Amino acid sequence: MQWGGPEHEKLFAEVRKDGRVHPAELRRPRLRDDCLRYYDAYRMLGAARVWNQIGPEAIRVSEVESYLNLCGIEDPHTKLKYLRLIQRMDRVELKVIHARTANK
């Protein structure tokens, strides 16, 4: 997950040197604590992503289910929520990856 970019980080670093905080950093979006578990699951599964000749593949449903079983999550509604959120985050990351490789 990314907020801003390298050009913004340079600006923020310059402002921090003076002991100040840039107003944009004060409004920087933060994940709610109750959302962190979904993001952590996504990062764990994304790190084991399968790549082929044309690029990354989507995180497989079987991988999500295996991860949730290892974590002891058994409630079907909770599993579906994890799956839905992980797939949404995965679609966004795949779009970003494909856009970067298309620009090369």
N, C-alpha and C. Protein backbone atom coordinates (compact mmCIF):
# COMPACT_ATOMS: atom_id res chain seq x y z
N MET A 1 0.85 -1.16 0.00
CA MET A 1 0.00 0.00 0.00
C MET A 1 0.90 1.23 0.00
N GLN A 2 0.52 2.21 -0.79
CA GLN A 2 1.38 3.37 -0.94
C GLN A 2 0.57 4.64 -0.81
N TRP A 3 1.16 5.64 -0.22
CA TRP A 3 0.56 6.95 -0.13
C TRP A 3 1.62 7.94 -0.56
N GLY A 4 1.28 8.79 -1.48
CA GLY A 4 2.26 9.75 -1.97
C GLY A 4 3.22 9.07 -2.92
N GLY A 5 4.44 9.46 -2.90
CA GLY A 5 5.45 8.87 -3.77
C GLY A 5 6.81 9.42 -3.41
N PRO A 6 7.83 9.03 -4.14
CA PRO A 6 9.20 9.47 -3.81
C PRO A 6 9.35 10.99 -3.81
N GLU A 7 8.69 11.65 -4.76
CA GLU A 7 8.80 13.11 -4.81
C GLU A 7 8.18 13.77 -3.58
N HIS A 8 7.12 13.17 -3.05
CA HIS A 8 6.50 13.71 -1.85
C HIS A 8 7.34 13.42 -0.61
N GLU A 9 7.96 12.26 -0.58
CA GLU A 9 8.80 11.91 0.57
C GLU A 9 9.97 12.88 0.71
N LYS A 10 10.52 13.32 -0.42
CA LYS A 10 11.61 14.30 -0.37
C LYS A 10 11.13 15.59 0.26
N LEU A 11 9.94 16.02 -0.14
CA LEU A 11 9.36 17.24 0.42
C LEU A 11 9.13 17.09 1.92
N PHE A 12 8.52 15.96 2.32
CA PHE A 12 8.25 15.74 3.73
C PHE A 12 9.54 15.69 4.54
N ALA A 13 10.59 15.08 3.98
CA ALA A 13 11.88 15.00 4.67
C ALA A 13 12.46 16.39 4.89
N GLU A 14 12.34 17.26 3.88
CA GLU A 14 12.84 18.63 4.02
C GLU A 14 12.10 19.38 5.12
N VAL A 15 10.80 19.20 5.17
CA VAL A 15 10.00 19.88 6.19
C VAL A 15 10.35 19.33 7.57
N ARG A 16 10.58 18.02 7.69
CA ARG A 16 10.91 17.40 8.98
C ARG A 16 12.25 17.90 9.51
N LYS A 17 13.18 18.24 8.61
CA LYS A 17 14.49 18.74 9.04
C LYS A 17 14.34 19.98 9.91
N ASP A 18 13.31 20.77 9.62
CA ASP A 18 13.06 21.98 10.40
C ASP A 18 12.26 21.72 11.66
N GLY A 19 11.95 20.43 11.91
CA GLY A 19 11.19 20.09 13.10
C GLY A 19 9.70 20.31 12.96
N ARG A 20 9.25 20.47 11.73
CA ARG A 20 7.83 20.69 11.48
C ARG A 20 7.23 19.45 10.84
N VAL A 21 5.90 19.44 10.75
CA VAL A 21 5.18 18.36 10.08
C VAL A 21 4.35 18.98 8.97
N HIS A 22 4.46 18.43 7.78
CA HIS A 22 3.68 18.94 6.65
C HIS A 22 2.20 18.63 6.90
N PRO A 23 1.30 19.58 6.61
CA PRO A 23 -0.13 19.35 6.85
C PRO A 23 -0.67 18.10 6.15
N ALA A 24 -0.14 17.76 4.99
CA ALA A 24 -0.61 16.55 4.28
C ALA A 24 -0.30 15.30 5.09
N GLU A 25 0.82 15.30 5.82
CA GLU A 25 1.14 14.13 6.64
C GLU A 25 0.16 13.95 7.79
N LEU A 26 -0.38 15.05 8.28
CA LEU A 26 -1.36 14.97 9.36
C LEU A 26 -2.67 14.36 8.88
N ARG A 27 -2.96 14.52 7.57
CA ARG A 27 -4.18 13.95 7.00
C ARG A 27 -3.93 12.62 6.29
N ARG A 28 -2.74 12.07 6.46
CA ARG A 28 -2.39 10.81 5.79
C ARG A 28 -3.36 9.72 6.22
N PRO A 29 -3.92 8.99 5.25
CA PRO A 29 -4.90 7.95 5.62
C PRO A 29 -4.24 6.84 6.43
N ARG A 30 -4.94 6.36 7.42
CA ARG A 30 -4.47 5.28 8.27
C ARG A 30 -5.49 4.14 8.23
N LEU A 31 -4.99 2.92 8.27
CA LEU A 31 -5.89 1.78 8.36
C LEU A 31 -6.45 1.69 9.78
N ARG A 32 -7.74 1.43 9.87
CA ARG A 32 -8.31 1.20 11.19
C ARG A 32 -7.75 -0.11 11.73
N ASP A 33 -7.67 -0.21 13.05
CA ASP A 33 -7.12 -1.40 13.69
C ASP A 33 -7.88 -2.67 13.29
N ASP A 34 -9.20 -2.54 13.12
CA ASP A 34 -9.98 -3.73 12.77
C ASP A 34 -9.74 -4.17 11.32
N CYS A 35 -9.12 -3.33 10.51
CA CYS A 35 -8.82 -3.68 9.11
C CYS A 35 -7.41 -4.26 8.95
N LEU A 36 -6.57 -4.09 9.93
CA LEU A 36 -5.19 -4.54 9.81
C LEU A 36 -5.07 -6.05 9.59
N ARG A 37 -5.94 -6.83 10.19
CA ARG A 37 -5.84 -8.28 10.04
C ARG A 37 -6.06 -8.70 8.59
N TYR A 38 -6.94 -8.00 7.87
CA TYR A 38 -7.18 -8.32 6.46
C TYR A 38 -5.97 -7.91 5.61
N TYR A 39 -5.43 -6.76 5.92
CA TYR A 39 -4.26 -6.28 5.19
C TYR A 39 -3.06 -7.19 5.46
N ASP A 40 -2.88 -7.61 6.70
CA ASP A 40 -1.78 -8.53 7.03
C ASP A 40 -1.93 -9.85 6.28
N ALA A 41 -3.14 -10.37 6.21
CA ALA A 41 -3.38 -11.62 5.47
C ALA A 41 -3.04 -11.41 4.00
N TYR A 42 -3.44 -10.28 3.45
CA TYR A 42 -3.16 -9.99 2.05
C TYR A 42 -1.65 -9.91 1.79
N ARG A 43 -0.93 -9.23 2.67
CA ARG A 43 0.52 -9.09 2.48
C ARG A 43 1.20 -10.46 2.57
N MET A 44 0.75 -11.28 3.49
CA MET A 44 1.32 -12.63 3.63
C MET A 44 1.09 -13.44 2.36
N LEU A 45 -0.12 -13.41 1.86
CA LEU A 45 -0.45 -14.18 0.65
C LEU A 45 0.19 -13.57 -0.59
N GLY A 46 0.27 -12.26 -0.64
CA GLY A 46 0.88 -11.60 -1.79
C GLY A 46 2.37 -11.89 -1.92
N ALA A 47 3.02 -12.11 -0.79
CA ALA A 47 4.45 -12.41 -0.81
C ALA A 47 4.73 -13.76 -1.44
N ALA A 48 3.74 -14.64 -1.45
CA ALA A 48 3.91 -15.97 -2.04
C ALA A 48 3.22 -16.06 -3.41
N ARG A 49 3.00 -14.93 -4.01
CA ARG A 49 2.31 -14.86 -5.30
C ARG A 49 3.06 -15.66 -6.37
N VAL A 50 2.31 -16.33 -7.22
CA VAL A 50 2.88 -17.10 -8.33
C VAL A 50 3.02 -16.18 -9.54
N TRP A 51 4.20 -16.22 -10.16
CA TRP A 51 4.45 -15.45 -11.38
C TRP A 51 4.63 -16.42 -12.53
N ASN A 52 4.19 -16.01 -13.71
CA ASN A 52 4.41 -16.82 -14.90
C ASN A 52 5.11 -15.96 -15.95
N GLN A 53 5.15 -16.41 -17.19
CA GLN A 53 5.89 -15.69 -18.24
C GLN A 53 5.32 -14.30 -18.52
N ILE A 54 4.04 -14.11 -18.31
CA ILE A 54 3.44 -12.81 -18.64
C ILE A 54 3.25 -11.91 -17.42
N GLY A 55 3.59 -12.41 -16.24
CA GLY A 55 3.48 -11.58 -15.05
C GLY A 55 2.87 -12.32 -13.87
N PRO A 56 2.40 -11.56 -12.90
CA PRO A 56 1.85 -12.18 -11.69
C PRO A 56 0.45 -12.74 -11.91
N GLU A 57 0.17 -13.79 -11.18
CA GLU A 57 -1.18 -14.36 -11.19
C GLU A 57 -1.93 -13.84 -9.97
N ALA A 58 -3.23 -13.88 -10.04
CA ALA A 58 -4.05 -13.49 -8.90
C ALA A 58 -3.84 -14.50 -7.77
N ILE A 59 -4.02 -14.04 -6.54
CA ILE A 59 -3.93 -14.94 -5.40
C ILE A 59 -5.07 -15.94 -5.50
N ARG A 60 -4.75 -17.19 -5.40
CA ARG A 60 -5.75 -18.24 -5.59
C ARG A 60 -6.64 -18.39 -4.35
N VAL A 61 -7.90 -18.76 -4.61
CA VAL A 61 -8.86 -18.96 -3.53
C VAL A 61 -8.36 -20.05 -2.59
N SER A 62 -7.75 -21.09 -3.14
CA SER A 62 -7.24 -22.18 -2.31
C SER A 62 -6.14 -21.70 -1.37
N GLU A 63 -5.34 -20.72 -1.81
CA GLU A 63 -4.30 -20.16 -0.94
C GLU A 63 -4.93 -19.39 0.22
N VAL A 64 -5.96 -18.64 -0.09
CA VAL A 64 -6.66 -17.88 0.97
C VAL A 64 -7.27 -18.84 1.97
N GLU A 65 -7.94 -19.86 1.45
CA GLU A 65 -8.58 -20.83 2.35
C GLU A 65 -7.56 -21.55 3.22
N SER A 66 -6.44 -21.94 2.64
CA SER A 66 -5.39 -22.62 3.41
C SER A 66 -4.84 -21.70 4.51
N TYR A 67 -4.62 -20.44 4.16
CA TYR A 67 -4.12 -19.48 5.14
C TYR A 67 -5.10 -19.32 6.30
N LEU A 68 -6.39 -19.17 5.96
CA LEU A 68 -7.40 -18.99 7.00
C LEU A 68 -7.52 -20.23 7.87
N ASN A 69 -7.40 -21.40 7.28
CA ASN A 69 -7.44 -22.63 8.07
C ASN A 69 -6.25 -22.71 9.02
N LEU A 70 -5.07 -22.30 8.55
CA LEU A 70 -3.88 -22.29 9.41
C LEU A 70 -4.05 -21.32 10.57
N CYS A 71 -4.77 -20.23 10.33
CA CYS A 71 -5.00 -19.23 11.37
C CYS A 71 -6.14 -19.61 12.31
N GLY A 72 -6.83 -20.71 12.00
CA GLY A 72 -7.92 -21.16 12.86
C GLY A 72 -9.23 -20.44 12.63
N ILE A 73 -9.37 -19.79 11.50
CA ILE A 73 -10.62 -19.08 11.19
C ILE A 73 -11.56 -20.08 10.53
N GLU A 74 -12.68 -20.34 11.18
CA GLU A 74 -13.60 -21.38 10.71
C GLU A 74 -14.96 -20.84 10.28
N ASP A 75 -15.34 -19.66 10.74
CA ASP A 75 -16.65 -19.11 10.42
C ASP A 75 -16.75 -18.81 8.93
N PRO A 76 -17.76 -19.37 8.24
CA PRO A 76 -17.88 -19.16 6.79
C PRO A 76 -18.05 -17.68 6.39
N HIS A 77 -18.77 -16.91 7.19
CA HIS A 77 -18.97 -15.49 6.86
C HIS A 77 -17.66 -14.72 6.98
N THR A 78 -16.87 -15.05 7.98
CA THR A 78 -15.58 -14.40 8.15
C THR A 78 -14.65 -14.79 7.01
N LYS A 79 -14.67 -16.06 6.63
CA LYS A 79 -13.83 -16.51 5.51
C LYS A 79 -14.20 -15.77 4.22
N LEU A 80 -15.50 -15.60 3.99
CA LEU A 80 -15.94 -14.90 2.79
C LEU A 80 -15.52 -13.43 2.80
N LYS A 81 -15.56 -12.83 3.99
CA LYS A 81 -15.14 -11.42 4.10
C LYS A 81 -13.65 -11.31 3.80
N TYR A 82 -12.83 -12.19 4.37
CA TYR A 82 -11.41 -12.20 4.06
C TYR A 82 -11.19 -12.35 2.56
N LEU A 83 -11.87 -13.33 1.97
CA LEU A 83 -11.70 -13.60 0.55
C LEU A 83 -12.07 -12.38 -0.29
N ARG A 84 -13.20 -11.77 0.02
CA ARG A 84 -13.66 -10.60 -0.74
C ARG A 84 -12.66 -9.45 -0.65
N LEU A 85 -12.18 -9.16 0.55
CA LEU A 85 -11.25 -8.05 0.73
C LEU A 85 -9.88 -8.34 0.12
N ILE A 86 -9.41 -9.56 0.27
CA ILE A 86 -8.12 -9.93 -0.32
C ILE A 86 -8.19 -9.85 -1.84
N GLN A 87 -9.29 -10.32 -2.42
CA GLN A 87 -9.43 -10.25 -3.88
C GLN A 87 -9.50 -8.80 -4.37
N ARG A 88 -10.15 -7.93 -3.61
CA ARG A 88 -10.21 -6.52 -4.01
C ARG A 88 -8.83 -5.89 -3.98
N MET A 89 -8.08 -6.12 -2.90
CA MET A 89 -6.73 -5.57 -2.81
C MET A 89 -5.85 -6.14 -3.90
N ASP A 90 -6.03 -7.42 -4.20
CA ASP A 90 -5.23 -8.08 -5.21
C ASP A 90 -5.50 -7.50 -6.60
N ARG A 91 -6.77 -7.22 -6.91
CA ARG A 91 -7.09 -6.63 -8.21
C ARG A 91 -6.41 -5.28 -8.38
N VAL A 92 -6.40 -4.48 -7.33
CA VAL A 92 -5.76 -3.17 -7.40
C VAL A 92 -4.26 -3.33 -7.62
N GLU A 93 -3.63 -4.22 -6.87
CA GLU A 93 -2.19 -4.41 -7.03
C GLU A 93 -1.85 -4.94 -8.42
N LEU A 94 -2.64 -5.85 -8.94
CA LEU A 94 -2.38 -6.38 -10.28
C LEU A 94 -2.50 -5.28 -11.34
N LYS A 95 -3.48 -4.39 -11.19
CA LYS A 95 -3.61 -3.27 -12.13
C LYS A 95 -2.38 -2.38 -12.09
N VAL A 96 -1.88 -2.11 -10.90
CA VAL A 96 -0.69 -1.27 -10.76
C VAL A 96 0.52 -1.96 -11.39
N ILE A 97 0.70 -3.23 -11.13
CA ILE A 97 1.83 -3.98 -11.69
C ILE A 97 1.75 -4.00 -13.21
N HIS A 98 0.57 -4.26 -13.76
CA HIS A 98 0.42 -4.30 -15.21
C HIS A 98 0.64 -2.92 -15.83
N ALA A 99 0.20 -1.86 -15.16
CA ALA A 99 0.42 -0.50 -15.67
C ALA A 99 1.90 -0.16 -15.69
N ARG A 100 2.62 -0.57 -14.64
CA ARG A 100 4.07 -0.31 -14.59
C ARG A 100 4.80 -1.05 -15.70
N THR A 101 4.44 -2.32 -15.91
CA THR A 101 5.14 -3.09 -16.95
C THR A 101 4.76 -2.63 -18.35
N ALA A 102 3.57 -2.08 -18.52
CA ALA A 102 3.15 -1.57 -19.83
C ALA A 102 3.91 -0.30 -20.19
N ASN A 103 4.35 0.45 -19.20
CA ASN A 103 5.08 1.69 -19.44
C ASN A 103 6.57 1.47 -19.71
N LYS A 104 7.05 0.26 -19.58
CA LYS A 104 8.48 0.00 -19.79
C LYS A 104 8.80 -0.19 -21.24
